[in-house]
């Protein structure tokens, strides 16, 4: 049992060290994926729907694809770091894009969890869902602003 604890601790520590700034959003994403899946299964009964293996597998595939989106963001971050290094600039840029993608996905998962809970009949503070949706909008607006500014530079 101690060997298993040691191996698990070593793997998690190595993963957190490698992910750096991305560790918390990734672990939150995985946790929220599991909670969303579980609350979604519970909410099916209250939605007058049926659990089907097709919908279940599709839901799991969507969760795995979310992890792949974070991986794509990390790949882009690695390419940016490589380009900066090749240009002779000696700075290291953390996983910025991957972190923003992961945070956006976590927020979406939280919204889905809250909606599942509403369908189940859990009473919820009226401000909770609007606050989460506001945070999502803020993340999207910041990403959109950066996109619009870069387009304006290329038009000039």
C-alpha atoms as a PDB file:
ATOM      1  CA  UNK A   1       0.000   0.000   0.000  1.00  0.00           C
ATOM      2  CA  UNK A   2       2.858   2.382   0.809  1.00  0.00           C
ATOM      3  CA  UNK A   3       4.432   1.685  -2.578  1.00  0.00           C
ATOM      4  CA  UNK A   4       1.162   2.559  -4.318  1.00  0.00           C
ATOM      5  CA  UNK A   5       0.923   5.829  -2.350  1.00  0.00           C
ATOM      6  CA  UNK A   6       4.521   6.610  -3.248  1.00  0.00           C
ATOM      7  CA  UNK A   7       3.959   5.959  -6.959  1.00  0.00           C
ATOM      8  CA  UNK A   8       0.700   7.964  -7.055  1.00  0.00           C
ATOM      9  CA  UNK A   9       2.327  10.865  -5.187  1.00  0.00           C
ATOM     10  CA  UNK A  10       5.348  10.799  -7.501  1.00  0.00           C
ATOM     11  CA  UNK A  11       3.189  10.739 -10.650  1.00  0.00           C
ATOM     12  CA  UNK A  12       0.952  13.589  -9.448  1.00  0.00           C
ATOM     13  CA  UNK A  13       3.972  15.631  -8.358  1.00  0.00           C
ATOM     14  CA  UNK A  14       5.739  15.113 -11.684  1.00  0.00           C
ATOM     15  CA  UNK A  15       2.561  16.001 -13.577  1.00  0.00           C
ATOM     16  CA  UNK A  16       2.038  19.172 -11.533  1.00  0.00           C
ATOM     17  CA  UNK A  17       5.670  20.190 -11.985  1.00  0.00           C
ATOM     18  CA  UNK A  18       5.443  19.688 -15.742  1.00  0.00           C
ATOM     19  CA  UNK A  19       2.074  21.440 -16.110  1.00  0.00           C
ATOM     20  CA  UNK A  20       3.063  24.374 -13.915  1.00  0.00           C
ATOM     21  CA  UNK A  21       0.452  27.136 -14.235  1.00  0.00           C
ATOM     22  CA  UNK A  22      -1.782  24.710 -16.144  1.00  0.00           C
ATOM     23  CA  UNK A  23      -2.022  22.158 -13.302  1.00  0.00           C
ATOM     24  CA  UNK A  24      -4.916  23.714 -11.370  1.00  0.00           C
ATOM     25  CA  UNK A  25      -7.184  24.343 -14.388  1.00  0.00           C
ATOM     26  CA  UNK A  26      -6.501  20.850 -15.763  1.00  0.00           C
ATOM     27  CA  UNK A  27      -7.271  19.137 -12.451  1.00  0.00           C
ATOM     28  CA  UNK A  28     -10.382  21.307 -12.070  1.00  0.00           C
ATOM     29  CA  UNK A  29     -11.446  20.378 -15.597  1.00  0.00           C
ATOM     30  CA  UNK A  30     -11.092  16.655 -14.945  1.00  0.00           C
ATOM     31  CA  UNK A  31     -12.975  16.985 -11.647  1.00  0.00           C
ATOM     32  CA  UNK A  32     -15.736  19.085 -13.207  1.00  0.00           C
ATOM     33  CA  UNK A  33     -15.996  16.600 -16.114  1.00  0.00           C
ATOM     34  CA  UNK A  34     -16.647  13.789 -13.634  1.00  0.00           C
ATOM     35  CA  UNK A  35     -19.150  15.830 -11.606  1.00  0.00           C
ATOM     36  CA  UNK A  36     -20.958  17.021 -14.749  1.00  0.00           C
ATOM     37  CA  UNK A  37     -21.233  13.460 -16.053  1.00  0.00           C
ATOM     38  CA  UNK A  38     -22.597  12.222 -12.719  1.00  0.00           C
ATOM     39  CA  UNK A  39     -25.101  15.076 -12.321  1.00  0.00           C
ATOM     40  CA  UNK A  40     -26.117  14.642 -15.963  1.00  0.00           C
ATOM     41  CA  UNK A  41     -26.908  10.983 -15.320  1.00  0.00           C
ATOM     42  CA  UNK A  42     -28.934  11.951 -12.234  1.00  0.00           C
ATOM     43  CA  UNK A  43     -30.785  14.707 -14.108  1.00  0.00           C
ATOM     44  CA  UNK A  44     -31.933  12.380 -16.908  1.00  0.00           C
ATOM     45  CA  UNK A  45     -34.681  11.006 -14.677  1.00  0.00           C
ATOM     46  CA  UNK A  46     -36.019  14.503 -13.972  1.00  0.00           C
ATOM     47  CA  UNK A  47     -35.898  15.562 -17.627  1.00  0.00           C
ATOM     48  CA  UNK A  48     -38.255  12.746 -18.617  1.00  0.00           C
ATOM     49  CA  UNK A  49     -35.451  11.361 -20.758  1.00  0.00           C
ATOM     50  CA  UNK A  50     -33.748   7.991 -20.939  1.00  0.00           C
ATOM     51  CA  UNK A  51     -30.149   7.010 -20.431  1.00  0.00           C
ATOM     52  CA  UNK A  52     -28.772   5.496 -23.595  1.00  0.00           C
ATOM     53  CA  UNK A  53     -25.347   4.039 -24.209  1.00  0.00           C
ATOM     54  CA  UNK A  54     -25.005   6.208 -27.337  1.00  0.00           C
ATOM     55  CA  UNK A  55     -25.596   9.444 -25.414  1.00  0.00           C
ATOM     56  CA  UNK A  56     -23.357   8.260 -22.606  1.00  0.00           C
ATOM     57  CA  UNK A  57     -20.459   7.378 -24.901  1.00  0.00           C
ATOM     58  CA  UNK A  58     -20.962  10.633 -26.806  1.00  0.00           C
ATOM     59  CA  UNK A  59     -20.777  12.537 -23.515  1.00  0.00           C
ATOM     60  CA  UNK A  60     -17.550  10.791 -22.544  1.00  0.00           C
ATOM     61  CA  UNK A  61     -16.104  11.480 -25.998  1.00  0.00           C
ATOM     62  CA  UNK A  62     -16.924  15.181 -25.573  1.00  0.00           C
ATOM     63  CA  UNK A  63     -15.105  15.223 -22.231  1.00  0.00           C
ATOM     64  CA  UNK A  64     -12.034  13.575 -23.772  1.00  0.00           C
ATOM     65  CA  UNK A  65     -12.137  16.095 -26.629  1.00  0.00           C
ATOM     66  CA  UNK A  66     -12.116  18.903 -24.049  1.00  0.00           C
ATOM     67  CA  UNK A  67      -8.853  17.528 -22.722  1.00  0.00           C
ATOM     68  CA  UNK A  68      -7.566  17.419 -26.292  1.00  0.00           C
ATOM     69  CA  UNK A  69      -8.492  21.096 -26.730  1.00  0.00           C
ATOM     70  CA  UNK A  70      -6.288  21.936 -23.754  1.00  0.00           C
ATOM     71  CA  UNK A  71      -3.548  19.815 -25.319  1.00  0.00           C
ATOM     72  CA  UNK A  72      -3.903  21.737 -28.599  1.00  0.00           C
ATOM     73  CA  UNK A  73      -3.588  24.999 -26.644  1.00  0.00           C
ATOM     74  CA  UNK A  74      -0.481  23.627 -24.915  1.00  0.00           C
ATOM     75  CA  UNK A  75       1.002  22.631 -28.284  1.00  0.00           C
ATOM     76  CA  UNK A  76       0.472  26.158 -29.570  1.00  0.00           C
ATOM     77  CA  UNK A  77       2.094  27.545 -26.412  1.00  0.00           C
ATOM     78  CA  UNK A  78       5.071  25.221 -26.933  1.00  0.00           C
ATOM     79  CA  UNK A  79       5.367  26.356 -30.564  1.00  0.00           C
ATOM     80  CA  UNK A  80       5.297  29.994 -29.467  1.00  0.00           C
ATOM     81  CA  UNK A  81       8.054  29.304 -26.935  1.00  0.00           C
ATOM     82  CA  UNK A  82      10.074  27.516 -29.598  1.00  0.00           C
ATOM     83  CA  UNK A  83       9.691  30.434 -32.020  1.00  0.00           C
ATOM     84  CA  UNK A  84      10.698  32.930 -29.335  1.00  0.00           C
ATOM     85  CA  UNK A  85      13.730  30.796 -28.469  1.00  0.00           C
ATOM     86  CA  UNK A  86      14.712  30.502 -32.153  1.00  0.00           C
ATOM     87  CA  UNK A  87      14.473  34.275 -32.454  1.00  0.00           C
ATOM     88  CA  UNK A  88      17.134  34.536 -29.775  1.00  0.00           C
ATOM     89  CA  UNK A  89      14.897  35.967 -27.093  1.00  0.00           C
ATOM     90  CA  UNK A  90      15.602  34.425 -23.719  1.00  0.00           C
ATOM     91  CA  UNK A  91      12.189  34.394 -22.051  1.00  0.00           C
ATOM     92  CA  UNK A  92       9.904  31.549 -21.180  1.00  0.00           C
ATOM     93  CA  UNK A  93       6.203  32.048 -21.699  1.00  0.00           C
ATOM     94  CA  UNK A  94       4.000  29.795 -19.552  1.00  0.00           C
ATOM     95  CA  UNK A  95       1.019  27.856 -20.906  1.00  0.00           C
ATOM     96  CA  UNK A  96      -1.084  30.968 -21.546  1.00  0.00           C
ATOM     97  CA  UNK A  97      -3.373  29.782 -24.334  1.00  0.00           C
ATOM     98  CA  UNK A  98      -3.850  26.334 -22.819  1.00  0.00           C
ATOM     99  CA  UNK A  99      -4.730  27.925 -19.467  1.00  0.00           C
ATOM    100  CA  UNK A 100      -7.352  30.202 -21.019  1.00  0.00           C
ATOM    101  CA  UNK A 101      -8.852  27.246 -22.912  1.00  0.00           C
ATOM    102  CA  UNK A 102      -8.926  25.151 -19.724  1.00  0.00           C
ATOM    103  CA  UNK A 103     -10.506  27.951 -17.675  1.00  0.00           C
ATOM    104  CA  UNK A 104     -13.179  28.499 -20.347  1.00  0.00           C
ATOM    105  CA  UNK A 105     -13.943  24.765 -20.400  1.00  0.00           C
ATOM    106  CA  UNK A 106     -14.115  24.609 -16.576  1.00  0.00           C
ATOM    107  CA  UNK A 107     -16.589  27.490 -16.580  1.00  0.00           C
ATOM    108  CA  UNK A 108     -18.724  25.686 -19.192  1.00  0.00           C
ATOM    109  CA  UNK A 109     -18.653  22.533 -17.084  1.00  0.00           C
ATOM    110  CA  UNK A 110     -19.704  24.490 -13.977  1.00  0.00           C
ATOM    111  CA  UNK A 111     -22.621  25.992 -15.913  1.00  0.00           C
ATOM    112  CA  UNK A 112     -23.649  22.516 -17.048  1.00  0.00           C
ATOM    113  CA  UNK A 113     -23.377  21.157 -13.478  1.00  0.00           C
ATOM    114  CA  UNK A 114     -25.561  23.984 -12.152  1.00  0.00           C
ATOM    115  CA  UNK A 115     -28.133  23.431 -14.925  1.00  0.00           C
ATOM    116  CA  UNK A 116     -28.193  19.707 -14.118  1.00  0.00           C
ATOM    117  CA  UNK A 117     -28.767  20.539 -10.464  1.00  0.00           C
ATOM    118  CA  UNK A 118     -31.620  22.880 -11.387  1.00  0.00           C
ATOM    119  CA  UNK A 119     -33.206  20.082 -13.431  1.00  0.00           C
ATOM    120  CA  UNK A 120     -32.868  17.740 -10.444  1.00  0.00           C
ATOM    121  CA  UNK A 121     -34.659  20.312  -8.303  1.00  0.00           C
ATOM    122  CA  UNK A 122     -31.825  21.581  -6.129  1.00  0.00           C
ATOM    123  CA  UNK A 123     -32.616  25.070  -4.843  1.00  0.00           C
ATOM    124  CA  UNK A 124     -29.880  27.422  -5.827  1.00  0.00           C
ATOM    125  CA  UNK A 125     -29.040  31.005  -4.934  1.00  0.00           C
ATOM    126  CA  UNK A 126     -30.421  33.170  -7.754  1.00  0.00           C
ATOM    127  CA  UNK A 127     -27.095  34.944  -8.253  1.00  0.00           C
ATOM    128  CA  UNK A 128     -24.898  31.851  -8.732  1.00  0.00           C
ATOM    129  CA  UNK A 129     -25.620  30.924 -12.355  1.00  0.00           C
ATOM    130  CA  UNK A 130     -25.597  34.560 -13.582  1.00  0.00           C
ATOM    131  CA  UNK A 131     -22.210  35.125 -11.915  1.00  0.00           C
ATOM    132  CA  UNK A 132     -20.707  32.074 -13.626  1.00  0.00           C
ATOM    133  CA  UNK A 133     -22.160  33.144 -16.987  1.00  0.00           C
ATOM    134  CA  UNK A 134     -20.726  36.638 -16.428  1.00  0.00           C
ATOM    135  CA  UNK A 135     -17.269  35.167 -15.779  1.00  0.00           C
ATOM    136  CA  UNK A 136     -17.571  33.115 -18.969  1.00  0.00           C
ATOM    137  CA  UNK A 137     -18.492  36.245 -20.917  1.00  0.00           C
ATOM    138  CA  UNK A 138     -15.497  38.084 -19.460  1.00  0.00           C
ATOM    139  CA  UNK A 139     -13.127  35.324 -20.573  1.00  0.00           C
ATOM    140  CA  UNK A 140     -14.670  35.343 -24.052  1.00  0.00           C
ATOM    141  CA  UNK A 141     -14.537  39.144 -24.263  1.00  0.00           C
ATOM    142  CA  UNK A 142     -10.843  39.230 -23.342  1.00  0.00           C
ATOM    143  CA  UNK A 143     -10.045  36.658 -26.015  1.00  0.00           C
ATOM    144  CA  UNK A 144     -12.191  38.506 -28.571  1.00  0.00           C
ATOM    145  CA  UNK A 145     -10.550  41.846 -27.813  1.00  0.00           C
ATOM    146  CA  UNK A 146      -7.128  40.351 -28.477  1.00  0.00           C
ATOM    147  CA  UNK A 147      -8.416  38.895 -31.756  1.00  0.00           C
ATOM    148  CA  UNK A 148      -9.945  42.210 -32.921  1.00  0.00           C
ATOM    149  CA  UNK A 149      -6.792  44.152 -32.047  1.00  0.00           C
ATOM    150  CA  UNK A 150      -4.605  41.751 -34.040  1.00  0.00           C
ATOM    151  CA  UNK A 151      -6.953  41.994 -37.051  1.00  0.00           C
ATOM    152  CA  UNK A 152      -6.809  45.814 -36.929  1.00  0.00           C
ATOM    153  CA  UNK A 153      -2.998  45.741 -37.002  1.00  0.00           C
ATOM    154  CA  UNK A 154      -2.980  43.557 -40.121  1.00  0.00           C
ATOM    155  CA  UNK A 155      -5.479  45.811 -41.942  1.00  0.00           C
ATOM    156  CA  UNK A 156      -3.245  48.891 -41.583  1.00  0.00           C
END
